[in-house]
Amino acid sequence: ESLGDGIYRVDDMVEKPAQEDAPSNLAIIGRYILTP
């Protein structure tokens, strides 16, 4: 869900999907902040 200003609340994540299975074209790049 888009919350505006380029921010999304994630509902689904798929690693390396086939084009027909991709939930969007919003790709994760190599920056994360993770909780422990």
ModelCIF file with pLDDT and N, C-alpha, C, O atoms, coordinates in Angstrom:
data_MODEL
#
_entry.id   MODEL 
#
_entity.id                         1 
_entity.type                       polymer 
_entity.pdbx_number_of_molecules   1 
#
_entity_poly.entity_id                      1 
_entity_poly.type                           'polypeptide(L)' 
_entity_poly.nstd_linkage                   no 
_entity_poly.nstd_monomer                   no 
_entity_poly.pdbx_seq_one_letter_code       ESLGDGIYRVDDMVEKPAQEDAPSNLAIIGRYILTP 
_entity_poly.pdbx_seq_one_letter_code_can   ESLGDGIYRVDDMVEKPAQEDAPSNLAIIGRYILTP 
_entity_poly.pdbx_strand_id                 A 
#
loop_
_entity_poly_seq.entity_id 
_entity_poly_seq.num 
_entity_poly_seq.mon_id 
_entity_poly_seq.hetero 
1 1  GLU n 
1 2  SER n 
1 3  LEU n 
1 4  GLY n 
1 5  ASP n 
1 6  GLY n 
1 7  ILE n 
1 8  TYR n 
1 9  ARG n 
1 10 VAL n 
1 11 ASP n 
1 12 ASP n 
1 13 MET n 
1 14 VAL n 
1 15 GLU n 
1 16 LYS n 
1 17 PRO n 
1 18 ALA n 
1 19 GLN n 
1 20 GLU n 
1 21 ASP n 
1 22 ALA n 
1 23 PRO n 
1 24 SER n 
1 25 ASN n 
1 26 LEU n 
1 27 ALA n 
1 28 ILE n 
1 29 ILE n 
1 30 GLY n 
1 31 ARG n 
1 32 TYR n 
1 33 ILE n 
1 34 LEU n 
1 35 THR n 
1 36 PRO n 
#
_struct_asym.id          A 
_struct_asym.entity_id   1 
#
loop_
_ma_qa_metric.id 
_ma_qa_metric.mode 
_ma_qa_metric.name 
_ma_qa_metric.software_group_id 
_ma_qa_metric.type 
1 global pLDDT . pLDDT 
2 local  pLDDT . pLDDT 
#
_ma_qa_metric_global.metric_id      1 
_ma_qa_metric_global.metric_value   91.33 
_ma_qa_metric_global.model_id       1 
_ma_qa_metric_global.ordinal_id     1 
#
loop_
_ma_qa_metric_local.label_asym_id 
_ma_qa_metric_local.label_comp_id 
_ma_qa_metric_local.label_seq_id 
_ma_qa_metric_local.metric_id 
_ma_qa_metric_local.metric_value 
_ma_qa_metric_local.model_id 
_ma_qa_metric_local.ordinal_id 
A GLU 1  2 90.00 1 1  
A SER 2  2 89.00 1 2  
A LEU 3  2 90.00 1 3  
A GLY 4  2 88.00 1 4  
A ASP 5  2 88.00 1 5  
A GLY 6  2 91.00 1 6  
A ILE 7  2 94.00 1 7  
A TYR 8  2 94.00 1 8  
A ARG 9  2 94.00 1 9  
A VAL 10 2 93.00 1 10 
A ASP 11 2 91.00 1 11 
A ASP 12 2 89.00 1 12 
A MET 13 2 89.00 1 13 
A VAL 14 2 87.00 1 14 
A GLU 15 2 86.00 1 15 
A LYS 16 2 88.00 1 16 
A PRO 17 2 89.00 1 17 
A ALA 18 2 89.00 1 18 
A GLN 19 2 88.00 1 19 
A GLU 20 2 88.00 1 20 
A ASP 21 2 86.00 1 21 
A ALA 22 2 88.00 1 22 
A PRO 23 2 88.00 1 23 
A SER 24 2 91.00 1 24 
A ASN 25 2 91.00 1 25 
A LEU 26 2 93.00 1 26 
A ALA 27 2 94.00 1 27 
A ILE 28 2 95.00 1 28 
A ILE 29 2 95.00 1 29 
A GLY 30 2 94.00 1 30 
A ARG 31 2 96.00 1 31 
A TYR 32 2 97.00 1 32 
A ILE 33 2 97.00 1 33 
A LEU 34 2 97.00 1 34 
A THR 35 2 96.00 1 35 
A PRO 36 2 95.00 1 36 
#
loop_
_atom_site.group_PDB 
_atom_site.id 
_atom_site.type_symbol 
_atom_site.label_atom_id 
_atom_site.label_alt_id 
_atom_site.label_comp_id 
_atom_site.label_asym_id 
_atom_site.label_entity_id 
_atom_site.label_seq_id 
_atom_site.pdbx_PDB_ins_code 
_atom_site.Cartn_x 
_atom_site.Cartn_y 
_atom_site.Cartn_z 
_atom_site.occupancy 
_atom_site.B_iso_or_equiv 
_atom_site.pdbx_formal_charge 
_atom_site.auth_seq_id 
_atom_site.auth_comp_id 
_atom_site.auth_asym_id 
_atom_site.auth_atom_id 
_atom_site.pdbx_PDB_model_num 
ATOM 1   N N  . GLU A 1 1  ? 0.832  -1.192  0.000   1.00 90.00 ? 1  GLU A N  1 
ATOM 2   C CA . GLU A 1 1  ? 0.000  0.000   0.000   1.00 90.00 ? 1  GLU A CA 1 
ATOM 3   C C  . GLU A 1 1  ? 0.873  1.251   0.000   1.00 90.00 ? 1  GLU A C  1 
ATOM 4   O O  . GLU A 1 1  ? 1.746  1.401   0.855   1.00 90.00 ? 1  GLU A O  1 
ATOM 5   N N  . SER A 1 2  ? 0.642  2.141   -0.950  1.00 89.00 ? 2  SER A N  1 
ATOM 6   C CA . SER A 1 2  ? 1.391  3.385   -1.009  1.00 89.00 ? 2  SER A CA 1 
ATOM 7   C C  . SER A 1 2  ? 0.873  4.341   0.054   1.00 89.00 ? 2  SER A C  1 
ATOM 8   O O  . SER A 1 2  ? -0.329 4.585   0.154   1.00 89.00 ? 2  SER A O  1 
ATOM 9   N N  . LEU A 1 3  ? 1.802  4.883   0.853   1.00 90.00 ? 3  LEU A N  1 
ATOM 10  C CA . LEU A 1 3  ? 1.459  5.863   1.878   1.00 90.00 ? 3  LEU A CA 1 
ATOM 11  C C  . LEU A 1 3  ? 1.874  7.266   1.461   1.00 90.00 ? 3  LEU A C  1 
ATOM 12  O O  . LEU A 1 3  ? 1.775  8.207   2.249   1.00 90.00 ? 3  LEU A O  1 
ATOM 13  N N  . GLY A 1 4  ? 2.346  7.412   0.203   1.00 88.00 ? 4  GLY A N  1 
ATOM 14  C CA . GLY A 1 4  ? 2.803  8.704   -0.288  1.00 88.00 ? 4  GLY A CA 1 
ATOM 15  C C  . GLY A 1 4  ? 4.275  8.927   -0.001  1.00 88.00 ? 4  GLY A C  1 
ATOM 16  O O  . GLY A 1 4  ? 4.866  8.233   0.827   1.00 88.00 ? 4  GLY A O  1 
ATOM 17  N N  . ASP A 1 5  ? 4.871  9.904   -0.693  1.00 88.00 ? 5  ASP A N  1 
ATOM 18  C CA . ASP A 1 5  ? 6.285  10.255  -0.525  1.00 88.00 ? 5  ASP A CA 1 
ATOM 19  C C  . ASP A 1 5  ? 7.216  9.072   -0.759  1.00 88.00 ? 5  ASP A C  1 
ATOM 20  O O  . ASP A 1 5  ? 8.275  8.981   -0.138  1.00 88.00 ? 5  ASP A O  1 
ATOM 21  N N  . GLY A 1 6  ? 6.823  8.160   -1.657  1.00 91.00 ? 6  GLY A N  1 
ATOM 22  C CA . GLY A 1 6  ? 7.675  7.022   -1.977  1.00 91.00 ? 6  GLY A CA 1 
ATOM 23  C C  . GLY A 1 6  ? 7.707  5.943   -0.912  1.00 91.00 ? 6  GLY A C  1 
ATOM 24  O O  . GLY A 1 6  ? 8.594  5.090   -0.942  1.00 91.00 ? 6  GLY A O  1 
ATOM 25  N N  . ILE A 1 7  ? 6.776  5.948   0.024   1.00 94.00 ? 7  ILE A N  1 
ATOM 26  C CA . ILE A 1 7  ? 6.752  4.993   1.129   1.00 94.00 ? 7  ILE A CA 1 
ATOM 27  C C  . ILE A 1 7  ? 5.612  3.993   0.916   1.00 94.00 ? 7  ILE A C  1 
ATOM 28  O O  . ILE A 1 7  ? 4.495  4.376   0.568   1.00 94.00 ? 7  ILE A O  1 
ATOM 29  N N  . TYR A 1 8  ? 5.910  2.707   1.128   1.00 94.00 ? 8  TYR A N  1 
ATOM 30  C CA . TYR A 1 8  ? 4.918  1.650   0.966   1.00 94.00 ? 8  TYR A CA 1 
ATOM 31  C C  . TYR A 1 8  ? 4.917  0.761   2.208   1.00 94.00 ? 8  TYR A C  1 
ATOM 32  O O  . TYR A 1 8  ? 5.966  0.457   2.774   1.00 94.00 ? 8  TYR A O  1 
ATOM 33  N N  . ARG A 1 9  ? 3.738  0.358   2.610   1.00 94.00 ? 9  ARG A N  1 
ATOM 34  C CA . ARG A 1 9  ? 3.624  -0.697  3.619   1.00 94.00 ? 9  ARG A CA 1 
ATOM 35  C C  . ARG A 1 9  ? 3.560  -2.026  2.880   1.00 94.00 ? 9  ARG A C  1 
ATOM 36  O O  . ARG A 1 9  ? 2.637  -2.260  2.099   1.00 94.00 ? 9  ARG A O  1 
ATOM 37  N N  . VAL A 1 10 ? 4.532  -2.893  3.121   1.00 93.00 ? 10 VAL A N  1 
ATOM 38  C CA . VAL A 1 10 ? 4.714  -4.104  2.324   1.00 93.00 ? 10 VAL A CA 1 
ATOM 39  C C  . VAL A 1 10 ? 3.662  -5.151  2.673   1.00 93.00 ? 10 VAL A C  1 
ATOM 40  O O  . VAL A 1 10 ? 3.459  -5.482  3.841   1.00 93.00 ? 10 VAL A O  1 
ATOM 41  N N  . ASP A 1 11 ? 2.995  -5.668  1.635   1.00 91.00 ? 11 ASP A N  1 
ATOM 42  C CA . ASP A 1 11 ? 2.060  -6.787  1.774   1.00 91.00 ? 11 ASP A CA 1 
ATOM 43  C C  . ASP A 1 11 ? 2.663  -8.094  1.265   1.00 91.00 ? 11 ASP A C  1 
ATOM 44  O O  . ASP A 1 11 ? 2.361  -9.171  1.779   1.00 91.00 ? 11 ASP A O  1 
ATOM 45  N N  . ASP A 1 12 ? 3.519  -7.987  0.248   1.00 89.00 ? 12 ASP A N  1 
ATOM 46  C CA . ASP A 1 12 ? 4.045  -9.192  -0.392  1.00 89.00 ? 12 ASP A CA 1 
ATOM 47  C C  . ASP A 1 12 ? 5.470  -8.935  -0.852  1.00 89.00 ? 12 ASP A C  1 
ATOM 48  O O  . ASP A 1 12 ? 5.805  -7.833  -1.287  1.00 89.00 ? 12 ASP A O  1 
ATOM 49  N N  . MET A 1 13 ? 6.308  -9.962  -0.752  1.00 89.00 ? 13 MET A N  1 
ATOM 50  C CA . MET A 1 13 ? 7.692  -9.888  -1.227  1.00 89.00 ? 13 MET A CA 1 
ATOM 51  C C  . MET A 1 13 ? 8.036  -11.216 -1.874  1.00 89.00 ? 13 MET A C  1 
ATOM 52  O O  . MET A 1 13 ? 7.758  -12.277 -1.315  1.00 89.00 ? 13 MET A O  1 
ATOM 53  N N  . VAL A 1 14 ? 8.640  -11.161 -3.050  1.00 87.00 ? 14 VAL A N  1 
ATOM 54  C CA . VAL A 1 14 ? 9.026  -12.376 -3.765  1.00 87.00 ? 14 VAL A CA 1 
ATOM 55  C C  . VAL A 1 14 ? 10.456 -12.216 -4.247  1.00 87.00 ? 14 VAL A C  1 
ATOM 56  O O  . VAL A 1 14 ? 10.814 -11.181 -4.808  1.00 87.00 ? 14 VAL A O  1 
ATOM 57  N N  . GLU A 1 15 ? 11.274 -13.235 -4.031  1.00 86.00 ? 15 GLU A N  1 
ATOM 58  C CA . GLU A 1 15 ? 12.668 -13.192 -4.460  1.00 86.00 ? 15 GLU A CA 1 
ATOM 59  C C  . GLU A 1 15 ? 12.812 -13.743 -5.869  1.00 86.00 ? 15 GLU A C  1 
ATOM 60  O O  . GLU A 1 15 ? 12.432 -14.880 -6.147  1.00 86.00 ? 15 GLU A O  1 
ATOM 61  N N  . LYS A 1 16 ? 13.368 -12.921 -6.758  1.00 88.00 ? 16 LYS A N  1 
ATOM 62  C CA . LYS A 1 16 ? 13.675 -13.311 -8.134  1.00 88.00 ? 16 LYS A CA 1 
ATOM 63  C C  . LYS A 1 16 ? 12.486 -13.996 -8.830  1.00 88.00 ? 16 LYS A C  1 
ATOM 64  O O  . LYS A 1 16 ? 12.613 -15.132 -9.287  1.00 88.00 ? 16 LYS A O  1 
ATOM 65  N N  . PRO A 1 17 ? 11.343 -13.318 -8.912  1.00 89.00 ? 17 PRO A N  1 
ATOM 66  C CA . PRO A 1 17 ? 10.186 -13.942 -9.558  1.00 89.00 ? 17 PRO A CA 1 
ATOM 67  C C  . PRO A 1 17 ? 10.301 -13.925 -11.077 1.00 89.00 ? 17 PRO A C  1 
ATOM 68  O O  . PRO A 1 17 ? 10.982 -13.072 -11.647 1.00 89.00 ? 17 PRO A O  1 
ATOM 69  N N  . ALA A 1 18 ? 9.642  -14.856 -11.716 1.00 89.00 ? 18 ALA A N  1 
ATOM 70  C CA . ALA A 1 18 ? 9.459  -14.768 -13.159 1.00 89.00 ? 18 ALA A CA 1 
ATOM 71  C C  . ALA A 1 18 ? 8.595  -13.546 -13.448 1.00 89.00 ? 18 ALA A C  1 
ATOM 72  O O  . ALA A 1 18 ? 7.802  -13.123 -12.606 1.00 89.00 ? 18 ALA A O  1 
ATOM 73  N N  . GLN A 1 19 ? 8.752  -12.986 -14.634 1.00 88.00 ? 19 GLN A N  1 
ATOM 74  C CA . GLN A 1 19 ? 8.044  -11.750 -14.969 1.00 88.00 ? 19 GLN A CA 1 
ATOM 75  C C  . GLN A 1 19 ? 6.539  -11.881 -14.743 1.00 88.00 ? 19 GLN A C  1 
ATOM 76  O O  . GLN A 1 19 ? 5.904  -10.963 -14.224 1.00 88.00 ? 19 GLN A O  1 
ATOM 77  N N  . GLU A 1 20 ? 5.971  -13.023 -15.133 1.00 88.00 ? 20 GLU A N  1 
ATOM 78  C CA . GLU A 1 20 ? 4.526  -13.201 -15.005 1.00 88.00 ? 20 GLU A CA 1 
ATOM 79  C C  . GLU A 1 20 ? 4.082  -13.378 -13.557 1.00 88.00 ? 20 GLU A C  1 
ATOM 80  O O  . GLU A 1 20 ? 2.895  -13.254 -13.256 1.00 88.00 ? 20 GLU A O  1 
ATOM 81  N N  . ASP A 1 21 ? 5.030  -13.669 -12.651 1.00 86.00 ? 21 ASP A N  1 
ATOM 82  C CA . ASP A 1 21 ? 4.691  -13.888 -11.239 1.00 86.00 ? 21 ASP A CA 1 
ATOM 83  C C  . ASP A 1 21 ? 5.025  -12.692 -10.356 1.00 86.00 ? 21 ASP A C  1 
ATOM 84  O O  . ASP A 1 21 ? 4.712  -12.696 -9.165  1.00 86.00 ? 21 ASP A O  1 
ATOM 85  N N  . ALA A 1 22 ? 5.655  -11.675 -10.924 1.00 88.00 ? 22 ALA A N  1 
ATOM 86  C CA . ALA A 1 22 ? 6.095  -10.531 -10.118 1.00 88.00 ? 22 ALA A CA 1 
ATOM 87  C C  . ALA A 1 22 ? 4.889  -9.709  -9.659  1.00 88.00 ? 22 ALA A C  1 
ATOM 88  O O  . ALA A 1 22 ? 4.022  -9.385  -10.470 1.00 88.00 ? 22 ALA A O  1 
ATOM 89  N N  . PRO A 1 23 ? 4.824  -9.366  -8.362  1.00 88.00 ? 23 PRO A N  1 
ATOM 90  C CA . PRO A 1 23 ? 3.696  -8.586  -7.861  1.00 88.00 ? 23 PRO A CA 1 
ATOM 91  C C  . PRO A 1 23 ? 3.744  -7.115  -8.275  1.00 88.00 ? 23 PRO A C  1 
ATOM 92  O O  . PRO A 1 23 ? 2.741  -6.409  -8.165  1.00 88.00 ? 23 PRO A O  1 
ATOM 93  N N  . SER A 1 24 ? 4.906  -6.645  -8.751  1.00 91.00 ? 24 SER A N  1 
ATOM 94  C CA . SER A 1 24 ? 5.064  -5.259  -9.208  1.00 91.00 ? 24 SER A CA 1 
ATOM 95  C C  . SER A 1 24 ? 6.428  -5.160  -9.885  1.00 91.00 ? 24 SER A C  1 
ATOM 96  O O  . SER A 1 24 ? 7.097  -6.169  -10.109 1.00 91.00 ? 24 SER A O  1 
ATOM 97  N N  . ASN A 1 25 ? 6.826  -3.947  -10.203 1.00 91.00 ? 25 ASN A N  1 
ATOM 98  C CA . ASN A 1 25 ? 8.192  -3.732  -10.701 1.00 91.00 ? 25 ASN A CA 1 
ATOM 99  C C  . ASN A 1 25 ? 9.005  -2.934  -9.697  1.00 91.00 ? 25 ASN A C  1 
ATOM 100 O O  . ASN A 1 25 ? 9.977  -2.275  -10.067 1.00 91.00 ? 25 ASN A O  1 
ATOM 101 N N  . LEU A 1 26 ? 8.611  -2.988  -8.412  1.00 93.00 ? 26 LEU A N  1 
ATOM 102 C CA . LEU A 1 26 ? 9.336  -2.298  -7.338  1.00 93.00 ? 26 LEU A CA 1 
ATOM 103 C C  . LEU A 1 26 ? 10.357 -3.259  -6.758  1.00 93.00 ? 26 LEU A C  1 
ATOM 104 O O  . LEU A 1 26 ? 10.011 -4.161  -5.995  1.00 93.00 ? 26 LEU A O  1 
ATOM 105 N N  . ALA A 1 27 ? 11.612 -3.063  -7.122  1.00 94.00 ? 27 ALA A N  1 
ATOM 106 C CA . ALA A 1 27 ? 12.683 -3.993  -6.784  1.00 94.00 ? 27 ALA A CA 1 
ATOM 107 C C  . ALA A 1 27 ? 13.471 -3.514  -5.567  1.00 94.00 ? 27 ALA A C  1 
ATOM 108 O O  . ALA A 1 27 ? 13.744 -2.324  -5.411  1.00 94.00 ? 27 ALA A O  1 
ATOM 109 N N  . ILE A 1 28 ? 13.825 -4.462  -4.719  1.00 95.00 ? 28 ILE A N  1 
ATOM 110 C CA . ILE A 1 28 ? 14.650 -4.171  -3.543  1.00 95.00 ? 28 ILE A CA 1 
ATOM 111 C C  . ILE A 1 28 ? 16.098 -4.046  -3.981  1.00 95.00 ? 28 ILE A C  1 
ATOM 112 O O  . ILE A 1 28 ? 16.611 -4.897  -4.707  1.00 95.00 ? 28 ILE A O  1 
ATOM 113 N N  . ILE A 1 29 ? 16.759 -2.974  -3.534  1.00 95.00 ? 29 ILE A N  1 
ATOM 114 C CA . ILE A 1 29 ? 18.196 -2.821  -3.800  1.00 95.00 ? 29 ILE A CA 1 
ATOM 115 C C  . ILE A 1 29 ? 18.953 -2.934  -2.466  1.00 95.00 ? 29 ILE A C  1 
ATOM 116 O O  . ILE A 1 29 ? 18.342 -3.097  -1.410  1.00 95.00 ? 29 ILE A O  1 
ATOM 117 N N  . GLY A 1 30 ? 20.261 -2.848  -2.528  1.00 94.00 ? 30 GLY A N  1 
ATOM 118 C CA . GLY A 1 30 ? 21.091 -3.239  -1.398  1.00 94.00 ? 30 GLY A CA 1 
ATOM 119 C C  . GLY A 1 30 ? 21.192 -2.281  -0.233  1.00 94.00 ? 30 GLY A C  1 
ATOM 120 O O  . GLY A 1 30 ? 22.293 -1.950  0.206   1.00 94.00 ? 30 GLY A O  1 
ATOM 121 N N  . ARG A 1 31 ? 20.050 -1.830  0.276   1.00 96.00 ? 31 ARG A N  1 
ATOM 122 C CA . ARG A 1 31 ? 19.997 -1.015  1.485   1.00 96.00 ? 31 ARG A CA 1 
ATOM 123 C C  . ARG A 1 31 ? 18.811 -1.481  2.329   1.00 96.00 ? 31 ARG A C  1 
ATOM 124 O O  . ARG A 1 31 ? 17.678 -1.542  1.853   1.00 96.00 ? 31 ARG A O  1 
ATOM 125 N N  . TYR A 1 32 ? 19.091 -1.805  3.581   1.00 97.00 ? 32 TYR A N  1 
ATOM 126 C CA . TYR A 1 32 ? 18.060 -2.268  4.495   1.00 97.00 ? 32 TYR A CA 1 
ATOM 127 C C  . TYR A 1 32 ? 18.278 -1.632  5.869   1.00 97.00 ? 32 TYR A C  1 
ATOM 128 O O  . TYR A 1 32 ? 19.407 -1.326  6.253   1.00 97.00 ? 32 TYR A O  1 
ATOM 129 N N  . ILE A 1 33 ? 17.201 -1.442  6.587   1.00 97.00 ? 33 ILE A N  1 
ATOM 130 C CA . ILE A 1 33 ? 17.268 -1.258  8.031   1.00 97.00 ? 33 ILE A CA 1 
ATOM 131 C C  . ILE A 1 33 ? 16.426 -2.374  8.630   1.00 97.00 ? 33 ILE A C  1 
ATOM 132 O O  . ILE A 1 33 ? 15.259 -2.540  8.273   1.00 97.00 ? 33 ILE A O  1 
ATOM 133 N N  . LEU A 1 34 ? 17.018 -3.138  9.540   1.00 97.00 ? 34 LEU A N  1 
ATOM 134 C CA . LEU A 1 34 ? 16.368 -4.330  10.069  1.00 97.00 ? 34 LEU A CA 1 
ATOM 135 C C  . LEU A 1 34 ? 16.260 -4.247  11.581  1.00 97.00 ? 34 LEU A C  1 
ATOM 136 O O  . LEU A 1 34 ? 17.181 -3.795  12.262  1.00 97.00 ? 34 LEU A O  1 
ATOM 137 N N  . THR A 1 35 ? 15.123 -4.691  12.095  1.00 96.00 ? 35 THR A N  1 
ATOM 138 C CA . THR A 1 35 ? 14.966 -4.811  13.540  1.00 96.00 ? 35 THR A CA 1 
ATOM 139 C C  . THR A 1 35 ? 15.530 -6.167  13.975  1.00 96.00 ? 35 THR A C  1 
ATOM 140 O O  . THR A 1 35 ? 15.560 -7.102  13.175  1.00 96.00 ? 35 THR A O  1 
ATOM 141 N N  . PRO A 1 36 ? 15.979 -6.288  15.232  1.00 95.00 ? 36 PRO A N  1 
ATOM 142 C CA . PRO A 1 36 ? 16.730 -7.493  15.624  1.00 95.00 ? 36 PRO A CA 1 
ATOM 143 C C  . PRO A 1 36 ? 15.936 -8.787  15.586  1.00 95.00 ? 36 PRO A C  1 
ATOM 144 O O  . PRO A 1 36 ? 16.474 -9.851  15.896  1.00 95.00 ? 36 PRO A O  1 
#
